[in-house]
Amino acid sequence: ALLAERLDRLEPGERAVIERAAIVGREFSRGAVADL
C-alpha cells in the first residue's frame, strides 16, 4: 500500500517512465525505457 501511494504521487511523465522500466526488469537502461 505504501509503494502504491508513492507511485500515485508521481508526475504523469515519471509514472509512464517507471512503468516502462518495470517491463524491462529490476535492471534497465535509459535507452530501453526511451524505446518503450
Full PDB file with SEQRES, HELIX, SHEET, SSBOND, CRYST1, ORIGX, SCALE, CONECT and MASTER records, all heavy atoms in Angstrom:
SEQRES   1 A   36  ALA LEU LEU ALA GLU ARG LEU ASP ARG LEU GLU PRO GLY          
SEQRES   2 A   36  GLU ARG ALA VAL ILE GLU ARG ALA ALA ILE VAL GLY ARG          
SEQRES   3 A   36  GLU PHE SER ARG GLY ALA VAL ALA ASP LEU                      
HELIX    1 AA1 LEU A    2  ASP A    8  1                                   7    
HELIX    2 AA2 PRO A   12  VAL A   24  1                                  13    
HELIX    3 AA3 ARG A   30  ASP A   35  1                                   6    
CRYST1    1.000    1.000    1.000  90.00  90.00  90.00 P 1           1          
ORIGX1      1.000000  0.000000  0.000000        0.00000                         
ORIGX2      0.000000  1.000000  0.000000        0.00000                         
ORIGX3      0.000000  0.000000  1.000000        0.00000                         
SCALE1      1.000000  0.000000  0.000000        0.00000                         
SCALE2      0.000000  1.000000  0.000000        0.00000                         
SCALE3      0.000000  0.000000  1.000000        0.00000                         
ATOM      1  N   ALA A   1       0.832  -1.208   0.000  1.00  0.00           N  
ATOM      2  CA  ALA A   1       0.000   0.000   0.000  1.00  0.00           C  
ATOM      3  C   ALA A   1       0.862   1.252   0.000  1.00  0.00           C  
ATOM      4  O   ALA A   1       0.534   2.260  -0.647  1.00  0.00           O  
ATOM      5  CB  ALA A   1      -0.919  -0.010   1.221  1.00  0.00           C  
ATOM      6  N   LEU A   2       1.965   1.216   0.728  1.00  0.00           N  
ATOM      7  CA  LEU A   2       2.877   2.356   0.761  1.00  0.00           C  
ATOM      8  C   LEU A   2       3.446   2.648  -0.622  1.00  0.00           C  
ATOM      9  O   LEU A   2       3.466   3.799  -1.085  1.00  0.00           O  
ATOM     10  CB  LEU A   2       4.006   2.074   1.747  1.00  0.00           C  
ATOM     11  CG  LEU A   2       5.227   2.993   1.706  1.00  0.00           C  
ATOM     12  CD1 LEU A   2       4.829   4.429   1.989  1.00  0.00           C  
ATOM     13  CD2 LEU A   2       6.279   2.513   2.690  1.00  0.00           C  
ATOM     14  N   LEU A   3       3.916   1.607  -1.310  1.00  0.00           N  
ATOM     15  CA  LEU A   3       4.501   1.812  -2.636  1.00  0.00           C  
ATOM     16  C   LEU A   3       3.451   2.290  -3.627  1.00  0.00           C  
ATOM     17  O   LEU A   3       3.741   3.126  -4.491  1.00  0.00           O  
ATOM     18  CB  LEU A   3       5.161   0.518  -3.113  1.00  0.00           C  
ATOM     19  CG  LEU A   3       6.376   0.064  -2.288  1.00  0.00           C  
ATOM     20  CD1 LEU A   3       6.879  -1.283  -2.781  1.00  0.00           C  
ATOM     21  CD2 LEU A   3       7.489   1.098  -2.342  1.00  0.00           C  
ATOM     22  N   ALA A   4       2.236   1.756  -3.519  1.00  0.00           N  
ATOM     23  CA  ALA A   4       1.160   2.212  -4.402  1.00  0.00           C  
ATOM     24  C   ALA A   4       0.888   3.699  -4.200  1.00  0.00           C  
ATOM     25  O   ALA A   4       0.680   4.450  -5.166  1.00  0.00           O  
ATOM     26  CB  ALA A   4      -0.108   1.397  -4.150  1.00  0.00           C  
ATOM     27  N   GLU A   5       0.896   4.153  -2.950  1.00  0.00           N  
ATOM     28  CA  GLU A   5       0.657   5.577  -2.681  1.00  0.00           C  
ATOM     29  C   GLU A   5       1.790   6.427  -3.232  1.00  0.00           C  
ATOM     30  O   GLU A   5       1.563   7.502  -3.790  1.00  0.00           O  
ATOM     31  CB  GLU A   5       0.496   5.801  -1.177  1.00  0.00           C  
ATOM     32  CG  GLU A   5       0.174   7.257  -0.833  1.00  0.00           C  
ATOM     33  CD  GLU A   5      -0.241   7.461   0.611  1.00  0.00           C  
ATOM     34  OE1 GLU A   5      -0.564   6.467   1.279  1.00  0.00           O  
ATOM     35  OE2 GLU A   5      -0.228   8.636   1.062  1.00  0.00           O  
ATOM     36  N   ARG A   6       3.025   5.956  -3.101  1.00  0.00           N  
ATOM     37  CA  ARG A   6       4.157   6.718  -3.636  1.00  0.00           C  
ATOM     38  C   ARG A   6       4.077   6.825  -5.153  1.00  0.00           C  
ATOM     39  O   ARG A   6       4.363   7.872  -5.732  1.00  0.00           O  
ATOM     40  CB  ARG A   6       5.476   6.056  -3.232  1.00  0.00           C  
ATOM     41  CG  ARG A   6       5.771   6.147  -1.743  1.00  0.00           C  
ATOM     42  CD  ARG A   6       7.245   6.406  -1.513  1.00  0.00           C  
ATOM     43  NE  ARG A   6       7.679   7.648  -2.105  1.00  0.00           N  
ATOM     44  CZ  ARG A   6       8.923   7.867  -2.553  1.00  0.00           C  
ATOM     45  NH1 ARG A   6       9.828   6.909  -2.500  1.00  0.00           N  
ATOM     46  NH2 ARG A   6       9.262   9.028  -3.065  1.00  0.00           N  
ATOM     47  N   LEU A   7       3.678   5.755  -5.806  1.00  0.00           N  
ATOM     48  CA  LEU A   7       3.536   5.792  -7.272  1.00  0.00           C  
ATOM     49  C   LEU A   7       2.418   6.747  -7.679  1.00  0.00           C  
ATOM     50  O   LEU A   7       2.529   7.452  -8.698  1.00  0.00           O  
ATOM     51  CB  LEU A   7       3.271   4.384  -7.802  1.00  0.00           C  
ATOM     52  CG  LEU A   7       4.437   3.381  -7.678  1.00  0.00           C  
ATOM     53  CD1 LEU A   7       3.971   1.984  -8.056  1.00  0.00           C  
ATOM     54  CD2 LEU A   7       5.614   3.796  -8.547  1.00  0.00           C  
ATOM     55  N   ASP A   8       1.345   6.768  -6.911  1.00  0.00           N  
ATOM     56  CA  ASP A   8       0.222   7.665  -7.231  1.00  0.00           C  
ATOM     57  C   ASP A   8       0.631   9.135  -7.139  1.00  0.00           C  
ATOM     58  O   ASP A   8      -0.006   9.996  -7.756  1.00  0.00           O  
ATOM     59  CB  ASP A   8      -0.955   7.400  -6.291  1.00  0.00           C  
ATOM     60  CG  ASP A   8      -1.672   6.101  -6.617  1.00  0.00           C  
ATOM     61  OD1 ASP A   8      -1.490   5.598  -7.744  1.00  0.00           O  
ATOM     62  OD2 ASP A   8      -2.382   5.573  -5.736  1.00  0.00           O  
ATOM     63  N   ARG A   9       1.666   9.443  -6.381  1.00  0.00           N  
ATOM     64  CA  ARG A   9       2.096  10.822  -6.200  1.00  0.00           C  
ATOM     65  C   ARG A   9       3.059  11.286  -7.305  1.00  0.00           C  
ATOM     66  O   ARG A   9       3.439  12.459  -7.332  1.00  0.00           O  
ATOM     67  CB  ARG A   9       2.777  10.985  -4.835  1.00  0.00           C  
ATOM     68  CG  ARG A   9       1.815  10.925  -3.656  1.00  0.00           C  
ATOM     69  CD  ARG A   9       2.552  10.978  -2.329  1.00  0.00           C  
ATOM     70  NE  ARG A   9       1.602  11.169  -1.232  1.00  0.00           N  
ATOM     71  CZ  ARG A   9       1.212  12.349  -0.773  1.00  0.00           C  
ATOM     72  NH1 ARG A   9       1.688  13.471  -1.323  1.00  0.00           N  
ATOM     73  NH2 ARG A   9       0.344  12.436   0.214  1.00  0.00           N  
ATOM     74  N   LEU A  10       3.471  10.387  -8.179  1.00  0.00           N  
ATOM     75  CA  LEU A  10       4.408  10.761  -9.233  1.00  0.00           C  
ATOM     76  C   LEU A  10       3.732  11.637 -10.282  1.00  0.00           C  
ATOM     77  O   LEU A  10       2.525  11.538 -10.515  1.00  0.00           O  
ATOM     78  CB  LEU A  10       4.967   9.505  -9.913  1.00  0.00           C  
ATOM     79  CG  LEU A  10       5.844   8.587  -9.056  1.00  0.00           C  
ATOM     80  CD1 LEU A  10       6.234   7.353  -9.858  1.00  0.00           C  
ATOM     81  CD2 LEU A  10       7.083   9.317  -8.546  1.00  0.00           C  
ATOM     82  N   GLU A  11       4.552  12.470 -10.932  1.00  0.00           N  
ATOM     83  CA  GLU A  11       4.071  13.220 -12.094  1.00  0.00           C  
ATOM     84  C   GLU A  11       3.741  12.247 -13.230  1.00  0.00           C  
ATOM     85  O   GLU A  11       4.317  11.151 -13.295  1.00  0.00           O  
ATOM     86  CB  GLU A  11       5.135  14.221 -12.550  1.00  0.00           C  
ATOM     87  CG  GLU A  11       5.515  15.271 -11.510  1.00  0.00           C  
ATOM     88  CD  GLU A  11       4.351  16.213 -11.231  1.00  0.00           C  
ATOM     89  OE1 GLU A  11       3.530  16.424 -12.149  1.00  0.00           O  
ATOM     90  OE2 GLU A  11       4.269  16.723 -10.100  1.00  0.00           O  
ATOM     91  N   PRO A  12       2.828  12.618 -14.153  1.00  0.00           N  
ATOM     92  CA  PRO A  12       2.452  11.686 -15.227  1.00  0.00           C  
ATOM     93  C   PRO A  12       3.644  11.157 -16.026  1.00  0.00           C  
ATOM     94  O   PRO A  12       3.705   9.960 -16.343  1.00  0.00           O  
ATOM     95  CB  PRO A  12       1.515  12.521 -16.099  1.00  0.00           C  
ATOM     96  CG  PRO A  12       0.928  13.528 -15.164  1.00  0.00           C  
ATOM     97  CD  PRO A  12       2.012  13.846 -14.181  1.00  0.00           C  
ATOM     98  N   GLY A  13       4.605  12.027 -16.345  1.00  0.00           N  
ATOM     99  CA  GLY A  13       5.778  11.576 -17.094  1.00  0.00           C  
ATOM    100  C   GLY A  13       6.619  10.601 -16.307  1.00  0.00           C  
ATOM    101  O   GLY A  13       7.107   9.589 -16.848  1.00  0.00           O  
ATOM    102  N   GLU A  14       6.801  10.872 -15.007  1.00  0.00           N  
ATOM    103  CA  GLU A  14       7.564   9.966 -14.157  1.00  0.00           C  
ATOM    104  C   GLU A  14       6.865   8.621 -14.041  1.00  0.00           C  
ATOM    105  O   GLU A  14       7.517   7.562 -14.077  1.00  0.00           O  
ATOM    106  CB  GLU A  14       7.743  10.581 -12.767  1.00  0.00           C  
ATOM    107  CG  GLU A  14       8.575  11.859 -12.761  1.00  0.00           C  
ATOM    108  CD  GLU A  14       8.501  12.603 -11.441  1.00  0.00           C  
ATOM    109  OE1 GLU A  14       7.718  12.178 -10.549  1.00  0.00           O  
ATOM    110  OE2 GLU A  14       9.215  13.606 -11.295  1.00  0.00           O  
ATOM    111  N   ARG A  15       5.553   8.651 -13.925  1.00  0.00           N  
ATOM    112  CA  ARG A  15       4.783   7.403 -13.819  1.00  0.00           C  
ATOM    113  C   ARG A  15       4.925   6.573 -15.096  1.00  0.00           C  
ATOM    114  O   ARG A  15       5.137   5.354 -15.037  1.00  0.00           O  
ATOM    115  CB  ARG A  15       3.316   7.732 -13.552  1.00  0.00           C  
ATOM    116  CG  ARG A  15       2.402   6.527 -13.390  1.00  0.00           C  
ATOM    117  CD  ARG A  15       2.714   5.756 -12.115  1.00  0.00           C  
ATOM    118  NE  ARG A  15       1.819   4.645 -11.915  1.00  0.00           N  
ATOM    119  CZ  ARG A  15       0.739   4.679 -11.128  1.00  0.00           C  
ATOM    120  NH1 ARG A  15       0.430   5.780 -10.460  1.00  0.00           N  
ATOM    121  NH2 ARG A  15      -0.016   3.619 -10.969  1.00  0.00           N  
ATOM    122  N   ALA A  16       4.850   7.212 -16.239  1.00  0.00           N  
ATOM    123  CA  ALA A  16       4.995   6.482 -17.505  1.00  0.00           C  
ATOM    124  C   ALA A  16       6.388   5.876 -17.637  1.00  0.00           C  
ATOM    125  O   ALA A  16       6.549   4.744 -18.121  1.00  0.00           O  
ATOM    126  CB  ALA A  16       4.716   7.417 -18.682  1.00  0.00           C  
ATOM    127  N   VAL A  17       7.396   6.610 -17.192  1.00  0.00           N  
ATOM    128  CA  VAL A  17       8.769   6.114 -17.299  1.00  0.00           C  
ATOM    129  C   VAL A  17       9.000   4.929 -16.375  1.00  0.00           C  
ATOM    130  O   VAL A  17       9.585   3.911 -16.770  1.00  0.00           O  
ATOM    131  CB  VAL A  17       9.768   7.257 -16.999  1.00  0.00           C  
ATOM    132  CG1 VAL A  17      11.176   6.701 -16.746  1.00  0.00           C  
ATOM    133  CG2 VAL A  17       9.799   8.231 -18.166  1.00  0.00           C  
ATOM    134  N   ILE A  18       8.540   5.012 -15.114  1.00  0.00           N  
ATOM    135  CA  ILE A  18       8.792   3.912 -14.177  1.00  0.00           C  
ATOM    136  C   ILE A  18       8.014   2.658 -14.583  1.00  0.00           C  
ATOM    137  O   ILE A  18       8.473   1.528 -14.373  1.00  0.00           O  
ATOM    138  CB  ILE A  18       8.468   4.344 -12.728  1.00  0.00           C  
ATOM    139  CG1 ILE A  18       9.195   3.415 -11.740  1.00  0.00           C  
ATOM    140  CG2 ILE A  18       6.969   4.338 -12.450  1.00  0.00           C  
ATOM    141  CD1 ILE A  18       9.130   3.877 -10.307  1.00  0.00           C  
ATOM    142  N   GLU A  19       6.849   2.833 -15.197  1.00  0.00           N  
ATOM    143  CA  GLU A  19       6.097   1.667 -15.670  1.00  0.00           C  
ATOM    144  C   GLU A  19       6.838   0.962 -16.798  1.00  0.00           C  
ATOM    145  O   GLU A  19       6.900  -0.280 -16.839  1.00  0.00           O  
ATOM    146  CB  GLU A  19       4.706   2.107 -16.126  1.00  0.00           C  
ATOM    147  CG  GLU A  19       3.786   2.482 -14.980  1.00  0.00           C  
ATOM    148  CD  GLU A  19       2.447   3.037 -15.438  1.00  0.00           C  
ATOM    149  OE1 GLU A  19       2.304   3.366 -16.648  1.00  0.00           O  
ATOM    150  OE2 GLU A  19       1.535   3.140 -14.601  1.00  0.00           O  
ATOM    151  N   ARG A  20       7.422   1.726 -17.704  1.00  0.00           N  
ATOM    152  CA  ARG A  20       8.160   1.100 -18.808  1.00  0.00           C  
ATOM    153  C   ARG A  20       9.451   0.459 -18.315  1.00  0.00           C  
ATOM    154  O   ARG A  20       9.859  -0.593 -18.823  1.00  0.00           O  
ATOM    155  CB  ARG A  20       8.403   2.134 -19.903  1.00  0.00           C  
ATOM    156  CG  ARG A  20       7.160   2.312 -20.766  1.00  0.00           C  
ATOM    157  CD  ARG A  20       6.948   3.705 -21.291  1.00  0.00           C  
ATOM    158  NE  ARG A  20       5.697   3.758 -22.063  1.00  0.00           N  
ATOM    159  CZ  ARG A  20       4.488   3.908 -21.517  1.00  0.00           C  
ATOM    160  NH1 ARG A  20       4.364   4.036 -20.208  1.00  0.00           N  
ATOM    161  NH2 ARG A  20       3.408   3.933 -22.279  1.00  0.00           N  
ATOM    162  N   ALA A  21      10.055   1.059 -17.302  1.00  0.00           N  
ATOM    163  CA  ALA A  21      11.222   0.418 -16.695  1.00  0.00           C  
ATOM    164  C   ALA A  21      10.841  -0.913 -16.059  1.00  0.00           C  
ATOM    165  O   ALA A  21      11.602  -1.886 -16.113  1.00  0.00           O  
ATOM    166  CB  ALA A  21      11.833   1.355 -15.649  1.00  0.00           C  
ATOM    167  N   ALA A  22       9.639  -0.983 -15.464  1.00  0.00           N  
ATOM    168  CA  ALA A  22       9.191  -2.217 -14.818  1.00  0.00           C  
ATOM    169  C   ALA A  22       9.016  -3.349 -15.827  1.00  0.00           C  
ATOM    170  O   ALA A  22       9.159  -4.529 -15.474  1.00  0.00           O  
ATOM    171  CB  ALA A  22       7.881  -1.974 -14.075  1.00  0.00           C  
ATOM    172  N   ILE A  23       8.693  -3.032 -17.063  1.00  0.00           N  
ATOM    173  CA  ILE A  23       8.582  -4.060 -18.103  1.00  0.00           C  
ATOM    174  C   ILE A  23       9.936  -4.696 -18.357  1.00  0.00           C  
ATOM    175  O   ILE A  23      10.065  -5.921 -18.500  1.00  0.00           O  
ATOM    176  CB  ILE A  23       8.019  -3.450 -19.401  1.00  0.00           C  
ATOM    177  CG1 ILE A  23       6.559  -3.051 -19.217  1.00  0.00           C  
ATOM    178  CG2 ILE A  23       8.179  -4.406 -20.584  1.00  0.00           C  
ATOM    179  CD1 ILE A  23       5.597  -4.212 -19.062  1.00  0.00           C  
ATOM    180  N   VAL A  24      10.992  -3.875 -18.396  1.00  0.00           N  
ATOM    181  CA  VAL A  24      12.332  -4.376 -18.700  1.00  0.00           C  
ATOM    182  C   VAL A  24      12.817  -5.303 -17.592  1.00  0.00           C  
ATOM    183  O   VAL A  24      13.364  -6.367 -17.837  1.00  0.00           O  
ATOM    184  CB  VAL A  24      13.313  -3.207 -18.905  1.00  0.00           C  
ATOM    185  CG1 VAL A  24      14.708  -3.732 -19.245  1.00  0.00           C  
ATOM    186  CG2 VAL A  24      12.813  -2.286 -20.017  1.00  0.00           C  
ATOM    187  N   GLY A  25      12.612  -4.901 -16.323  1.00  0.00           N  
ATOM    188  CA  GLY A  25      13.046  -5.736 -15.208  1.00  0.00           C  
ATOM    189  C   GLY A  25      13.644  -4.898 -14.105  1.00  0.00           C  
ATOM    190  O   GLY A  25      13.592  -3.655 -14.139  1.00  0.00           O  
ATOM    191  N   ARG A  26      14.236  -5.554 -13.128  1.00  0.00           N  
ATOM    192  CA  ARG A  26      14.803  -4.797 -11.999  1.00  0.00           C  
ATOM    193  C   ARG A  26      15.941  -3.900 -12.475  1.00  0.00           C  
ATOM    194  O   ARG A  26      16.118  -2.797 -11.988  1.00  0.00           O  
ATOM    195  CB  ARG A  26      15.290  -5.747 -10.917  1.00  0.00           C  
ATOM    196  CG  ARG A  26      15.765  -4.980  -9.691  1.00  0.00           C  
ATOM    197  CD  ARG A  26      16.106  -5.876  -8.525  1.00  0.00           C  
ATOM    198  NE  ARG A  26      16.496  -5.073  -7.367  1.00  0.00           N  
ATOM    199  CZ  ARG A  26      16.865  -5.575  -6.207  1.00  0.00           C  
ATOM    200  NH1 ARG A  26      16.867  -6.872  -6.032  1.00  0.00           N  
ATOM    201  NH2 ARG A  26      17.223  -4.789  -5.217  1.00  0.00           N  
ATOM    202  N   GLU A  27      16.775  -4.390 -13.415  1.00  0.00           N  
ATOM    203  CA  GLU A  27      17.817  -3.562 -14.013  1.00  0.00           C  
ATOM    204  C   GLU A  27      17.360  -3.142 -15.400  1.00  0.00           C  
ATOM    205  O   GLU A  27      16.777  -3.930 -16.143  1.00  0.00           O  
ATOM    206  CB  GLU A  27      19.139  -4.329 -14.113  1.00  0.00           C  
ATOM    207  CG  GLU A  27      19.704  -4.757 -12.776  1.00  0.00           C  
ATOM    208  CD  GLU A  27      19.277  -6.146 -12.363  1.00  0.00           C  
ATOM    209  OE1 GLU A  27      18.802  -6.893 -13.253  1.00  0.00           O  
ATOM    210  OE2 GLU A  27      19.374  -6.483 -11.180  1.00  0.00           O  
ATOM    211  N   PHE A  28      17.650  -1.909 -15.769  1.00  0.00           N  
ATOM    212  CA  PHE A  28      17.205  -1.412 -17.074  1.00  0.00           C  
ATOM    213  C   PHE A  28      18.122  -0.289 -17.518  1.00  0.00           C  
ATOM    214  O   PHE A  28      18.905   0.254 -16.722  1.00  0.00           O  
ATOM    215  CB  PHE A  28      15.758  -0.920 -16.989  1.00  0.00           C  
ATOM    216  CG  PHE A  28      15.518   0.121 -15.931  1.00  0.00           C  
ATOM    217  CD1 PHE A  28      15.618   1.469 -16.217  1.00  0.00           C  
ATOM    218  CD2 PHE A  28      15.202  -0.264 -14.625  1.00  0.00           C  
ATOM    219  CE1 PHE A  28      15.419   2.430 -15.231  1.00  0.00           C  
ATOM    220  CE2 PHE A  28      14.999   0.687 -13.629  1.00  0.00           C  
ATOM    221  CZ  PHE A  28      15.104   2.043 -13.937  1.00  0.00           C  
ATOM    222  N   SER A  29      18.046   0.055 -18.782  1.00  0.00           N  
ATOM    223  CA  SER A  29      18.856   1.149 -19.321  1.00  0.00           C  
ATOM    224  C   SER A  29      17.954   2.292 -19.763  1.00  0.00           C  
ATOM    225  O   SER A  29      16.764   2.103 -20.042  1.00  0.00           O  
ATOM    226  CB  SER A  29      19.682   0.658 -20.518  1.00  0.00           C  
ATOM    227  OG  SER A  29      18.839   0.355 -21.617  1.00  0.00           O  
ATOM    228  N   ARG A  30      18.543   3.468 -19.817  1.00  0.00           N  
ATOM    229  CA  ARG A  30      17.788   4.637 -20.287  1.00  0.00           C  
ATOM    230  C   ARG A  30      17.300   4.402 -21.704  1.00  0.00           C  
ATOM    231  O   ARG A  30      16.155   4.733 -22.050  1.00  0.00           O  
ATOM    232  CB  ARG A  30      18.676   5.875 -20.228  1.00  0.00           C  
ATOM    233  CG  ARG A  30      18.015   7.157 -20.755  1.00  0.00           C  
ATOM    234  CD  ARG A  30      18.988   8.307 -20.767  1.00  0.00           C  
ATOM    235  NE  ARG A  30      20.225   7.980 -21.454  1.00  0.00           N  
ATOM    236  CZ  ARG A  30      20.366   7.940 -22.790  1.00  0.00           C  
ATOM    237  NH1 ARG A  30      19.329   8.215 -23.569  1.00  0.00           N  
ATOM    238  NH2 ARG A  30      21.519   7.620 -23.327  1.00  0.00           N  
ATOM    239  N   GLY A  31      18.137   3.804 -22.566  1.00  0.00           N  
ATOM    240  CA  GLY A  31      17.743   3.573 -23.954  1.00  0.00           C  
ATOM    241  C   GLY A  31      16.568   2.633 -24.091  1.00  0.00           C  
ATOM    242  O   GLY A  31      15.682   2.854 -24.921  1.00  0.00           O  
ATOM    243  N   ALA A  32      16.540   1.569 -23.265  1.00  0.00           N  
ATOM    244  CA  ALA A  32      15.430   0.620 -23.335  1.00  0.00           C  
ATOM    245  C   ALA A  32      14.124   1.292 -22.939  1.00  0.00           C  
ATOM    246  O   ALA A  32      13.082   1.078 -23.574  1.00  0.00           O  
ATOM    247  CB  ALA A  32      15.709  -0.578 -22.432  1.00  0.00           C  
ATOM    248  N   VAL A  33      14.168   2.110 -21.883  1.00  0.00           N  
ATOM    249  CA  VAL A  33      12.958   2.809 -21.439  1.00  0.00           C  
ATOM    250  C   VAL A  33      12.509   3.811 -22.493  1.00  0.00           C  
ATOM    251  O   VAL A  33      11.312   3.935 -22.787  1.00  0.00           O  
ATOM    252  CB  VAL A  33      13.208   3.501 -20.083  1.00  0.00           C  
ATOM    253  CG1 VAL A  33      12.007   4.348 -19.685  1.00  0.00           C  
ATOM    254  CG2 VAL A  33      13.494   2.457 -19.013  1.00  0.00           C  
ATOM    255  N   ALA A  34      13.462   4.520 -23.092  1.00  0.00           N  
ATOM    256  CA  ALA A  34      13.114   5.505 -24.117  1.00  0.00           C  
ATOM    257  C   ALA A  34      12.444   4.848 -25.318  1.00  0.00           C  
ATOM    258  O   ALA A  34      11.501   5.393 -25.895  1.00  0.00           O  
ATOM    259  CB  ALA A  34      14.361   6.273 -24.557  1.00  0.00           C  
ATOM    260  N   ASP A  35      12.918   3.658 -25.693  1.00  0.00           N  
ATOM    261  CA  ASP A  35      12.316   2.941 -26.822  1.00  0.00           C  
ATOM    262  C   ASP A  35      10.861   2.584 -26.550  1.00  0.00           C  
ATOM    263  O   ASP A  35      10.045   2.511 -27.480  1.00  0.00           O  
ATOM    264  CB  ASP A  35      13.105   1.663 -27.120  1.00  0.00           C  
ATOM    265  CG  ASP A  35      14.277   1.913 -28.043  1.00  0.00           C  
ATOM    266  OD1 ASP A  35      14.484   3.087 -28.433  1.00  0.00           O  
ATOM    267  OD2 ASP A  35      14.999   0.949 -28.361  1.00  0.00           O  
ATOM    268  N   LEU A  36      10.521   2.320 -25.287  1.00  0.00           N  
ATOM    269  CA  LEU A  36       9.156   1.929 -24.935  1.00  0.00           C  
ATOM    270  C   LEU A  36       8.259   3.130 -24.645  1.00  0.00           C  
ATOM    271  O   LEU A  36       7.036   2.983 -24.573  1.00  0.00           O  
ATOM    272  CB  LEU A  36       9.172   1.009 -23.704  1.00  0.00           C  
ATOM    273  CG  LEU A  36       9.887  -0.342 -23.868  1.00  0.00           C  
ATOM    274  CD1 LEU A  36       9.856  -1.112 -22.555  1.00  0.00           C  
ATOM    275  CD2 LEU A  36       9.255  -1.168 -24.985  1.00  0.00           C  
TER     276      LEU A  36                                                      
MASTER        0    0    0    3    0    0    0    6  275    1    0    3          
END                                                                             
